[in-house]
C-alpha atoms as a PDB file:
ATOM      1  CA  MET A   1       4.479  -6.455  12.603  1.00  0.00           C
ATOM      2  CA  PRO A   2       1.199  -6.907  11.415  1.00  0.00           C
ATOM      3  CA  ASP A   3      -1.311  -8.644  12.353  1.00  0.00           C
ATOM      4  CA  PRO A   4      -1.110 -12.103  10.423  1.00  0.00           C
ATOM      5  CA  LEU A   5      -4.983 -11.601  10.390  1.00  0.00           C
ATOM      6  CA  ILE A   6      -4.565  -8.887   7.958  1.00  0.00           C
ATOM      7  CA  ARG A   7      -3.425 -11.114   4.817  1.00  0.00           C
ATOM      8  CA  GLU A   8      -6.450 -12.882   4.773  1.00  0.00           C
ATOM      9  CA  LEU A   9      -8.321  -9.122   4.222  1.00  0.00           C
ATOM     10  CA  ASP A  10      -8.625  -8.455   0.429  1.00  0.00           C
ATOM     11  CA  ASP A  11      -9.438  -4.663   0.674  1.00  0.00           C
ATOM     12  CA  TYR A  12      -7.596  -1.142   1.815  1.00  0.00           C
ATOM     13  CA  VAL A  13      -8.502   1.728   2.501  1.00  0.00           C
ATOM     14  CA  VAL A  14      -5.797   4.378   1.122  1.00  0.00           C
ATOM     15  CA  LEU A  15      -5.386   8.024   2.132  1.00  0.00           C
ATOM     16  CA  VAL A  16      -3.254  10.664  -0.070  1.00  0.00           C
ATOM     17  CA  PRO A  17      -2.498  13.606   1.644  1.00  0.00           C
ATOM     18  CA  GLY A  18      -5.387  16.573   0.229  1.00  0.00           C
ATOM     19  CA  GLU A  19      -7.942  13.604  -1.466  1.00  0.00           C
ATOM     20  CA  SER A  20     -10.386  11.910  -0.329  1.00  0.00           C
ATOM     21  CA  GLU A  21     -10.475   8.159   1.632  1.00  0.00           C
ATOM     22  CA  ARG A  22     -10.471   5.394  -1.099  1.00  0.00           C
ATOM     23  CA  PHE A  23     -11.340   1.503  -0.753  1.00  0.00           C
ATOM     24  CA  LEU A  24      -9.452  -0.534  -3.320  1.00  0.00           C
ATOM     25  CA  ASN A  25      -8.867  -4.405  -3.777  1.00  0.00           C
ATOM     26  CA  LYS A  26      -5.667  -6.534  -3.091  1.00  0.00           C
ATOM     27  CA  GLU A  27      -4.367  -6.089  -6.734  1.00  0.00           C
ATOM     28  CA  GLU A  28      -5.685  -2.392  -7.012  1.00  0.00           C
ATOM     29  CA  THR A  29      -4.214  -1.485  -3.868  1.00  0.00           C
ATOM     30  CA  LEU A  30      -0.620  -2.983  -5.130  1.00  0.00           C
ATOM     31  CA  LEU A  31      -1.131  -1.355  -8.340  1.00  0.00           C
ATOM     32  CA  TRP A  32      -1.412   2.043  -6.475  1.00  0.00           C
ATOM     33  CA  LEU A  33       1.483   1.192  -4.619  1.00  0.00           C
ATOM     34  CA  GLU A  34       3.205   0.502  -7.701  1.00  0.00           C
ATOM     35  CA  SER A  35       2.532   3.515  -9.264  1.00  0.00           C
ATOM     36  CA  TRP A  36       3.894   5.506  -6.602  1.00  0.00           C
ATOM     37  CA  LEU A  37       7.339   3.886  -6.064  1.00  0.00           C
ATOM     38  CA  ASN A  38       7.882   4.552  -9.652  1.00  0.00           C
ATOM     39  CA  ASN A  39       7.760   8.656  -8.944  1.00  0.00           C
ATOM     40  CA  PHE A  40      11.211   7.394  -6.945  1.00  0.00           C
ATOM     41  CA  ASP A  41      14.233   8.126  -9.015  1.00  0.00           C
ATOM     42  CA  SER A  42      15.505   5.003  -6.607  1.00  0.00           C
ATOM     43  CA  LEU A  43      13.810   3.056  -4.631  1.00  0.00           C
ATOM     44  CA  PRO A  44      14.138   3.827  -0.139  1.00  0.00           C
ATOM     45  CA  LEU A  45      16.731   1.554   1.260  1.00  0.00           C
ATOM     46  CA  ASP A  46      14.581  -0.792   2.691  1.00  0.00           C
ATOM     47  CA  LEU A  47      12.952  -1.771  -0.932  1.00  0.00           C
ATOM     48  CA  GLU A  48      16.427  -1.022  -2.591  1.00  0.00           C
ATOM     49  CA  ASP A  49      17.112  -4.867  -2.275  1.00  0.00           C
ATOM     50  CA  LYS A  50      14.305  -5.892  -3.869  1.00  0.00           C
ATOM     51  CA  SER A  51      14.351  -6.960  -7.326  1.00  0.00           C
ATOM     52  CA  SER A  52      11.140  -5.127  -9.261  1.00  0.00           C
ATOM     53  CA  ILE A  53       8.389  -2.696  -7.846  1.00  0.00           C
ATOM     54  CA  GLN A  54       5.752  -5.020  -8.320  1.00  0.00           C
ATOM     55  CA  GLU A  55       7.935  -7.290  -5.593  1.00  0.00           C
ATOM     56  CA  ALA A  56       8.585  -3.527  -3.805  1.00  0.00           C
ATOM     57  CA  ALA A  57       5.058  -2.915  -3.743  1.00  0.00           C
ATOM     58  CA  GLN A  58       3.954  -6.728  -2.493  1.00  0.00           C
ATOM     59  CA  HIS A  59       6.777  -6.025   0.553  1.00  0.00           C
ATOM     60  CA  LEU A  60       4.703  -2.572   1.539  1.00  0.00           C
ATOM     61  CA  LEU A  61       1.833  -4.258   1.749  1.00  0.00           C
ATOM     62  CA  ASP A  62       2.886  -7.348   3.385  1.00  0.00           C
ATOM     63  CA  THR A  63       5.167  -5.163   5.478  1.00  0.00           C
ATOM     64  CA  ALA A  64       3.930  -1.375   6.370  1.00  0.00           C
ATOM     65  CA  CYS A  65       0.860   1.082   6.270  1.00  0.00           C
ATOM     66  CA  ASP A  66       2.877   4.182   4.869  1.00  0.00           C
ATOM     67  CA  LEU A  67       5.256   5.682   2.439  1.00  0.00           C
ATOM     68  CA  GLU A  68       7.006   8.823   2.675  1.00  0.00           C
ATOM     69  CA  ILE A  69       6.821  10.252  -1.045  1.00  0.00           C
ATOM     70  CA  LYS A  70       8.683  13.465  -0.326  1.00  0.00           C
ATOM     71  CA  PRO A  71       9.153  14.901   3.347  1.00  0.00           C
ATOM     72  CA  GLY A  72       5.718  16.004   5.162  1.00  0.00           C
ATOM     73  CA  PHE A  73       4.273  13.675   1.991  1.00  0.00           C
ATOM     74  CA  THR A  74       2.890  10.354   3.121  1.00  0.00           C
ATOM     75  CA  VAL A  75       0.823   8.202   1.610  1.00  0.00           C
ATOM     76  CA  GLN A  76      -1.070   5.466   3.697  1.00  0.00           C
ATOM     77  CA  TRP A  77      -2.842   2.021   3.371  1.00  0.00           C
ATOM     78  CA  TYR A  78      -4.558   0.034   6.055  1.00  0.00           C
ATOM     79  CA  ALA A  79      -6.355  -3.244   5.632  1.00  0.00           C
ATOM     80  CA  VAL A  80     -10.353  -3.073   5.883  1.00  0.00           C
ATOM     81  CA  ARG A  81     -12.789  -5.468   6.587  1.00  0.00           C
ATOM     82  CA  LEU A  82     -16.234  -4.608   3.893  1.00  0.00           C
ATOM     83  CA  GLU A  83     -19.735  -5.669   4.512  1.00  0.00           C
ATOM     84  CA  ARG A  84     -20.854  -6.638   1.159  1.00  0.00           C
ATOM     85  CA  PRO A  85     -24.591  -7.732   0.441  1.00  0.00           C
ATOM     86  CA  GLY A  86     -25.138 -10.909   0.738  1.00  0.00           C
ATOM     87  CA  GLN A  87     -22.407 -12.060   3.464  1.00  0.00           C
END
């Protein structure tokens, strides 16, 4: 179970095998997850009870940090705290 403090963070690093890491805000990360979920013919078993791709993406963001797209290919996301000028 993720630390509840993670919910207070609004930035994520996303990792895709073979690509450079990317830093996204919460909304961008949800859209990124939705785009991966849209590639499935049907949602993974633990997400099939969700009523929409958006709900499934939010559930993943709240409860997980990786998604196996196919055997041997897993995308990951981790909440991070970014230093912004003036903070």
